[in-house]
């Protein structure tokens, strides 16, 4: 990614919040290091109305960051 570029991705909200995986801590650490700046952090439906049989609806964390010069 070039500085000034926009990175957008998603991950399941339960995984994002789970300290064992460390996603949230790593993303926050990159912010503290001024490697990127959070633009948006929101929840949405992971599967929409078409989630697999036997599995309830899940939410997805949608994250948008701007890459900072370093």
PDB file of N, CA and C in Angstrom:
ATOM      1  N   UNK A   1       0.835  -1.176   0.000  1.00  0.00           N
ATOM      2  CA  UNK A   1       0.000   0.000   0.000  1.00  0.00           C
ATOM      3  C   UNK A   1       0.880   1.239   0.000  1.00  0.00           C
ATOM      4  N   UNK A   2       0.478   2.188  -0.787  1.00  0.00           N
ATOM      5  CA  UNK A   2       1.168   3.475  -0.806  1.00  0.00           C
ATOM      6  C   UNK A   2       0.603   4.389   0.270  1.00  0.00           C
ATOM      7  N   UNK A   3       1.434   5.253   0.847  1.00  0.00           N
ATOM      8  CA  UNK A   3       0.903   6.249   1.765  1.00  0.00           C
ATOM      9  C   UNK A   3      -0.208   7.061   1.092  1.00  0.00           C
ATOM     10  N   UNK A   4      -1.266   7.286   1.838  1.00  0.00           N
ATOM     11  CA  UNK A   4      -2.436   7.973   1.303  1.00  0.00           C
ATOM     12  C   UNK A   4      -3.477   7.009   0.751  1.00  0.00           C
ATOM     13  N   UNK A   5      -3.091   5.736   0.571  1.00  0.00           N
ATOM     14  CA  UNK A   5      -4.022   4.731   0.074  1.00  0.00           C
ATOM     15  C   UNK A   5      -5.073   4.378   1.124  1.00  0.00           C
ATOM     16  N   UNK A   6      -6.176   3.844   0.648  1.00  0.00           N
ATOM     17  CA  UNK A   6      -7.280   3.448   1.527  1.00  0.00           C
ATOM     18  C   UNK A   6      -7.357   1.925   1.549  1.00  0.00           C
ATOM     19  N   UNK A   7      -7.425   1.370   2.755  1.00  0.00           N
ATOM     20  CA  UNK A   7      -7.557  -0.074   2.927  1.00  0.00           C
ATOM     21  C   UNK A   7      -8.908  -0.358   3.575  1.00  0.00           C
ATOM     22  N   UNK A   8      -9.669  -1.230   2.946  1.00  0.00           N
ATOM     23  CA  UNK A   8     -10.990  -1.602   3.460  1.00  0.00           C
ATOM     24  C   UNK A   8     -11.048  -3.122   3.538  1.00  0.00           C
ATOM     25  N   UNK A   9     -11.475  -3.633   4.695  1.00  0.00           N
ATOM     26  CA  UNK A   9     -11.605  -5.081   4.845  1.00  0.00           C
ATOM     27  C   UNK A   9     -12.621  -5.385   5.931  1.00  0.00           C
ATOM     28  N   UNK A  10     -12.986  -6.629   6.021  1.00  0.00           N
ATOM     29  CA  UNK A  10     -13.928  -7.029   7.067  1.00  0.00           C
ATOM     30  C   UNK A  10     -13.444  -8.306   7.737  1.00  0.00           C
ATOM     31  N   UNK A  11     -13.929  -8.513   8.945  1.00  0.00           N
ATOM     32  CA  UNK A  11     -13.713  -9.762   9.666  1.00  0.00           C
ATOM     33  C   UNK A  11     -14.912  -9.967  10.583  1.00  0.00           C
ATOM     34  N   UNK A  12     -15.145 -11.194  10.933  1.00  0.00           N
ATOM     35  CA  UNK A  12     -16.278 -11.450  11.828  1.00  0.00           C
ATOM     36  C   UNK A  12     -16.081 -10.699  13.131  1.00  0.00           C
ATOM     37  N   UNK A  13     -17.157 -10.108  13.613  1.00  0.00           N
ATOM     38  CA  UNK A  13     -17.080  -9.302  14.835  1.00  0.00           C
ATOM     39  C   UNK A  13     -16.634 -10.120  16.033  1.00  0.00           C
ATOM     40  N   UNK A  14     -17.076 -11.374  16.118  1.00  0.00           N
ATOM     41  CA  UNK A  14     -16.658 -12.192  17.259  1.00  0.00           C
ATOM     42  C   UNK A  14     -15.148 -12.453  17.232  1.00  0.00           C
ATOM     43  N   UNK A  15     -14.567 -12.598  16.052  1.00  0.00           N
ATOM     44  CA  UNK A  15     -13.125 -12.767  15.937  1.00  0.00           C
ATOM     45  C   UNK A  15     -12.363 -11.487  16.234  1.00  0.00           C
ATOM     46  N   UNK A  16     -12.902 -10.366  15.789  1.00  0.00           N
ATOM     47  CA  UNK A  16     -12.275  -9.064  16.024  1.00  0.00           C
ATOM     48  C   UNK A  16     -12.188  -8.759  17.515  1.00  0.00           C
ATOM     49  N   UNK A  17     -13.241  -9.075  18.245  1.00  0.00           N
ATOM     50  CA  UNK A  17     -13.299  -8.774  19.676  1.00  0.00           C
ATOM     51  C   UNK A  17     -12.556  -9.799  20.539  1.00  0.00           C
ATOM     52  N   UNK A  18     -12.275 -10.988  20.009  1.00  0.00           N
ATOM     53  CA  UNK A  18     -11.646 -12.063  20.759  1.00  0.00           C
ATOM     54  C   UNK A  18     -10.159 -11.751  20.990  1.00  0.00           C
ATOM     55  N   UNK A  19      -9.774 -11.555  22.238  1.00  0.00           N
ATOM     56  CA  UNK A  19      -8.387 -11.208  22.571  1.00  0.00           C
ATOM     57  C   UNK A  19      -7.399 -12.301  22.166  1.00  0.00           C
ATOM     58  N   UNK A  20      -7.856 -13.538  22.115  1.00  0.00           N
ATOM     59  CA  UNK A  20      -6.976 -14.650  21.727  1.00  0.00           C
ATOM     60  C   UNK A  20      -6.438 -14.463  20.305  1.00  0.00           C
ATOM     61  N   UNK A  21      -7.252 -13.930  19.411  1.00  0.00           N
ATOM     62  CA  UNK A  21      -6.819 -13.701  18.026  1.00  0.00           C
ATOM     63  C   UNK A  21      -5.944 -12.462  17.906  1.00  0.00           C
ATOM     64  N   UNK A  22      -6.201 -11.461  18.711  1.00  0.00           N
ATOM     65  CA  UNK A  22      -5.356 -10.275  18.748  1.00  0.00           C
ATOM     66  C   UNK A  22      -5.572  -9.262  17.634  1.00  0.00           C
ATOM     67  N   UNK A  23      -6.635  -9.403  16.840  1.00  0.00           N
ATOM     68  CA  UNK A  23      -6.877  -8.463  15.740  1.00  0.00           C
ATOM     69  C   UNK A  23      -7.030  -7.031  16.240  1.00  0.00           C
ATOM     70  N   UNK A  24      -7.934  -6.836  17.171  1.00  0.00           N
ATOM     71  CA  UNK A  24      -8.230  -5.492  17.658  1.00  0.00           C
ATOM     72  C   UNK A  24      -6.973  -4.830  18.228  1.00  0.00           C
ATOM     73  N   UNK A  25      -6.224  -5.549  19.036  1.00  0.00           N
ATOM     74  CA  UNK A  25      -5.006  -5.007  19.635  1.00  0.00           C
ATOM     75  C   UNK A  25      -3.979  -4.650  18.557  1.00  0.00           C
ATOM     76  N   UNK A  26      -3.827  -5.500  17.553  1.00  0.00           N
ATOM     77  CA  UNK A  26      -2.865  -5.240  16.480  1.00  0.00           C
ATOM     78  C   UNK A  26      -3.273  -4.005  15.683  1.00  0.00           C
ATOM     79  N   UNK A  27      -4.560  -3.891  15.355  1.00  0.00           N
ATOM     80  CA  UNK A  27      -5.033  -2.739  14.589  1.00  0.00           C
ATOM     81  C   UNK A  27      -4.841  -1.448  15.386  1.00  0.00           C
ATOM     82  N   UNK A  28      -5.138  -1.495  16.682  1.00  0.00           N
ATOM     83  CA  UNK A  28      -4.955  -0.316  17.534  1.00  0.00           C
ATOM     84  C   UNK A  28      -3.475   0.039  17.661  1.00  0.00           C
ATOM     85  N   UNK A  29      -2.617  -0.967  17.724  1.00  0.00           N
ATOM     86  CA  UNK A  29      -1.178  -0.737  17.800  1.00  0.00           C
ATOM     87  C   UNK A  29      -0.666  -0.040  16.535  1.00  0.00           C
ATOM     88  N   UNK A  30      -1.162  -0.442  15.379  1.00  0.00           N
ATOM     89  CA  UNK A  30      -0.763   0.213  14.133  1.00  0.00           C
ATOM     90  C   UNK A  30      -1.218   1.672  14.104  1.00  0.00           C
ATOM     91  N   UNK A  31      -2.353   1.961  14.721  1.00  0.00           N
ATOM     92  CA  UNK A  31      -2.803   3.354  14.844  1.00  0.00           C
ATOM     93  C   UNK A  31      -1.853   4.146  15.752  1.00  0.00           C
ATOM     94  N   UNK A  32      -1.489   3.566  16.896  1.00  0.00           N
ATOM     95  CA  UNK A  32      -0.587   4.245  17.831  1.00  0.00           C
ATOM     96  C   UNK A  32       0.784   4.501  17.207  1.00  0.00           C
ATOM     97  N   UNK A  33       1.215   3.593  16.332  1.00  0.00           N
ATOM     98  CA  UNK A  33       2.489   3.740  15.636  1.00  0.00           C
ATOM     99  C   UNK A  33       2.381   4.708  14.458  1.00  0.00           C
ATOM    100  N   UNK A  34       1.188   5.224  14.231  1.00  0.00           N
ATOM    101  CA  UNK A  34       0.908   6.151  13.123  1.00  0.00           C
ATOM    102  C   UNK A  34       1.222   5.527  11.764  1.00  0.00           C
ATOM    103  N   UNK A  35       0.918   4.236  11.643  1.00  0.00           N
ATOM    104  CA  UNK A  35       1.060   3.538  10.363  1.00  0.00           C
ATOM    105  C   UNK A  35      -0.196   3.696   9.515  1.00  0.00           C
ATOM    106  N   UNK A  36      -1.344   3.826  10.202  1.00  0.00           N
ATOM    107  CA  UNK A  36      -2.603   4.061   9.514  1.00  0.00           C
ATOM    108  C   UNK A  36      -3.558   4.798  10.418  1.00  0.00           C
ATOM    109  N   UNK A  37      -4.598   5.375   9.823  1.00  0.00           N
ATOM    110  CA  UNK A  37      -5.595   6.138  10.569  1.00  0.00           C
ATOM    111  C   UNK A  37      -6.967   5.538  10.288  1.00  0.00           C
ATOM    112  N   UNK A  38      -7.702   5.267  11.347  1.00  0.00           N
ATOM    113  CA  UNK A  38      -9.037   4.700  11.205  1.00  0.00           C
ATOM    114  C   UNK A  38      -9.976   5.733  10.598  1.00  0.00           C
ATOM    115  N   UNK A  39     -10.678   5.336   9.555  1.00  0.00           N
ATOM    116  CA  UNK A  39     -11.680   6.193   8.919  1.00  0.00           C
ATOM    117  C   UNK A  39     -13.077   5.737   9.319  1.00  0.00           C
ATOM    118  N   UNK A  40     -13.284   4.414   9.347  1.00  0.00           N
ATOM    119  CA  UNK A  40     -14.608   3.888   9.676  1.00  0.00           C
ATOM    120  C   UNK A  40     -14.482   2.517  10.319  1.00  0.00           C
ATOM    121  N   UNK A  41     -15.341   2.274  11.312  1.00  0.00           N
ATOM    122  CA  UNK A  41     -15.406   0.990  12.004  1.00  0.00           C
ATOM    123  C   UNK A  41     -16.878   0.734  12.275  1.00  0.00           C
ATOM    124  N   UNK A  42     -17.467  -0.190  11.548  1.00  0.00           N
ATOM    125  CA  UNK A  42     -18.905  -0.431  11.686  1.00  0.00           C
ATOM    126  C   UNK A  42     -19.212  -1.920  11.618  1.00  0.00           C
ATOM    127  N   UNK A  43     -20.393  -2.273  12.077  1.00  0.00           N
ATOM    128  CA  UNK A  43     -20.867  -3.659  12.017  1.00  0.00           C
ATOM    129  C   UNK A  43     -21.901  -3.801  10.912  1.00  0.00           C
ATOM    130  N   UNK A  44     -21.898  -4.967  10.305  1.00  0.00           N
ATOM    131  CA  UNK A  44     -22.894  -5.296   9.295  1.00  0.00           C
ATOM    132  C   UNK A  44     -23.194  -6.779   9.364  1.00  0.00           C
ATOM    133  N   UNK A  45     -24.142  -7.223   8.568  1.00  0.00           N
ATOM    134  CA  UNK A  45     -24.471  -8.646   8.511  1.00  0.00           C
ATOM    135  C   UNK A  45     -23.372  -9.397   7.771  1.00  0.00           C
ATOM    136  N   UNK A  46     -22.907 -10.485   8.355  1.00  0.00           N
ATOM    137  CA  UNK A  46     -21.840 -11.274   7.731  1.00  0.00           C
ATOM    138  C   UNK A  46     -22.360 -12.050   6.525  1.00  0.00           C
ATOM    139  N   UNK A  47     -23.520 -12.673   6.682  1.00  0.00           N
ATOM    140  CA  UNK A  47     -24.092 -13.457   5.600  1.00  0.00           C
ATOM    141  C   UNK A  47     -25.314 -12.804   4.988  1.00  0.00           C
ATOM    142  N   UNK A  48     -25.812 -11.719   5.553  1.00  0.00           N
ATOM    143  CA  UNK A  48     -27.086 -11.176   5.108  1.00  0.00           C
ATOM    144  C   UNK A  48     -28.184 -12.152   5.495  1.00  0.00           C
ATOM    145  N   UNK A  49     -29.175 -12.299   4.659  1.00  0.00           N
ATOM    146  CA  UNK A  49     -30.291 -13.200   4.951  1.00  0.00           C
ATOM    147  C   UNK A  49     -29.960 -14.642   4.573  1.00  0.00           C
ATOM    148  N   UNK A  50     -28.801 -14.883   3.958  1.00  0.00           N
ATOM    149  CA  UNK A  50     -28.474 -16.212   3.418  1.00  0.00           C
ATOM    150  C   UNK A  50     -27.459 -16.966   4.265  1.00  0.00           C
ATOM    151  N   UNK A  51     -27.569 -16.876   5.589  1.00  0.00           N
ATOM    152  CA  UNK A  51     -26.610 -17.592   6.421  1.00  0.00           C
ATOM    153  C   UNK A  51     -26.848 -19.095   6.340  1.00  0.00           C
ATOM    154  N   UNK A  52     -25.810 -19.896   6.527  1.00  0.00           N
ATOM    155  CA  UNK A  52     -25.902 -21.348   6.376  1.00  0.00           C
ATOM    156  C   UNK A  52     -26.910 -21.971   7.346  1.00  0.00           C
ATOM    157  N   UNK A  53     -27.501 -23.057   6.901  1.00  0.00           N
ATOM    158  CA  UNK A  53     -28.443 -23.799   7.732  1.00  0.00           C
ATOM    159  C   UNK A  53     -27.761 -24.248   9.016  1.00  0.00           C
ATOM    160  N   UNK A  54     -28.454 -24.085  10.123  1.00  0.00           N
ATOM    161  CA  UNK A  54     -27.915 -24.501  11.409  1.00  0.00           C
ATOM    162  C   UNK A  54     -27.025 -23.463  12.060  1.00  0.00           C
ATOM    163  N   UNK A  55     -26.838 -22.365  11.408  1.00  0.00           N
ATOM    164  CA  UNK A  55     -25.992 -21.309  11.968  1.00  0.00           C
ATOM    165  C   UNK A  55     -26.794 -20.019  11.977  1.00  0.00           C
ATOM    166  N   UNK A  56     -26.818 -19.379  13.115  1.00  0.00           N
ATOM    167  CA  UNK A  56     -27.553 -18.125  13.222  1.00  0.00           C
ATOM    168  C   UNK A  56     -26.830 -16.987  12.531  1.00  0.00           C
ATOM    169  N   UNK A  57     -27.470 -15.852  12.476  1.00  0.00           N
ATOM    170  CA  UNK A  57     -26.825 -14.691  11.841  1.00  0.00           C
ATOM    171  C   UNK A  57     -25.573 -14.260  12.608  1.00  0.00           C
ATOM    172  N   UNK A  58     -24.592 -13.779  11.881  1.00  0.00           N
ATOM    173  CA  UNK A  58     -23.347 -13.282  12.452  1.00  0.00           C
ATOM    174  C   UNK A  58     -23.140 -11.843  11.993  1.00  0.00           C
ATOM    175  N   UNK A  59     -22.391 -11.093  12.773  1.00  0.00           N
ATOM    176  CA  UNK A  59     -22.058  -9.747  12.329  1.00  0.00           C
ATOM    177  C   UNK A  59     -20.608  -9.701  11.866  1.00  0.00           C
ATOM    178  N   UNK A  60     -20.344  -8.758  11.008  1.00  0.00           N
ATOM    179  CA  UNK A  60     -19.025  -8.560  10.445  1.00  0.00           C
ATOM    180  C   UNK A  60     -18.559  -7.157  10.788  1.00  0.00           C
ATOM    181  N   UNK A  61     -17.320  -7.024  11.200  1.00  0.00           N
ATOM    182  CA  UNK A  61     -16.734  -5.711  11.454  1.00  0.00           C
ATOM    183  C   UNK A  61     -16.146  -5.225  10.130  1.00  0.00           C
ATOM    184  N   UNK A  62     -16.581  -4.076   9.666  1.00  0.00           N
ATOM    185  CA  UNK A  62     -16.072  -3.477   8.432  1.00  0.00           C
ATOM    186  C   UNK A  62     -15.163  -2.319   8.841  1.00  0.00           C
ATOM    187  N   UNK A  63     -13.906  -2.406   8.440  1.00  0.00           N
ATOM    188  CA  UNK A  63     -12.898  -1.430   8.841  1.00  0.00           C
ATOM    189  C   UNK A  63     -12.308  -0.743   7.615  1.00  0.00           C
ATOM    190  N   UNK A  64     -12.153   0.566   7.713  1.00  0.00           N
ATOM    191  CA  UNK A  64     -11.550   1.354   6.643  1.00  0.00           C
ATOM    192  C   UNK A  64     -10.441   2.195   7.262  1.00  0.00           C
ATOM    193  N   UNK A  65      -9.249   2.067   6.704  1.00  0.00           N
ATOM    194  CA  UNK A  65      -8.085   2.809   7.204  1.00  0.00           C
ATOM    195  C   UNK A  65      -7.423   3.578   6.056  1.00  0.00           C
ATOM    196  N   UNK A  66      -6.799   4.692   6.414  1.00  0.00           N
ATOM    197  CA  UNK A  66      -5.951   5.425   5.480  1.00  0.00           C
ATOM    198  C   UNK A  66      -4.511   5.140   5.866  1.00  0.00           C
ATOM    199  N   UNK A  67      -3.699   4.749   4.892  1.00  0.00           N
ATOM    200  CA  UNK A  67      -2.300   4.442   5.131  1.00  0.00           C
ATOM    201  C   UNK A  67      -1.526   5.756   5.253  1.00  0.00           C
ATOM    202  N   UNK A  68      -0.761   5.889   6.338  1.00  0.00           N
ATOM    203  CA  UNK A  68      -0.011   7.114   6.608  1.00  0.00           C
ATOM    204  C   UNK A  68       1.442   6.980   6.141  1.00  0.00           C
ATOM    205  N   UNK A  69       2.073   8.096   5.818  1.00  0.00           N
ATOM    206  CA  UNK A  69       3.502   8.023   5.440  1.00  0.00           C
ATOM    207  C   UNK A  69       4.348   7.577   6.632  1.00  0.00           C
ATOM    208  N   UNK A  70       5.381   6.798   6.366  1.00  0.00           N
ATOM    209  CA  UNK A  70       6.283   6.361   7.437  1.00  0.00           C
ATOM    210  C   UNK A  70       7.705   6.286   6.942  1.00  0.00           C
TER     211      UNK A  70
END
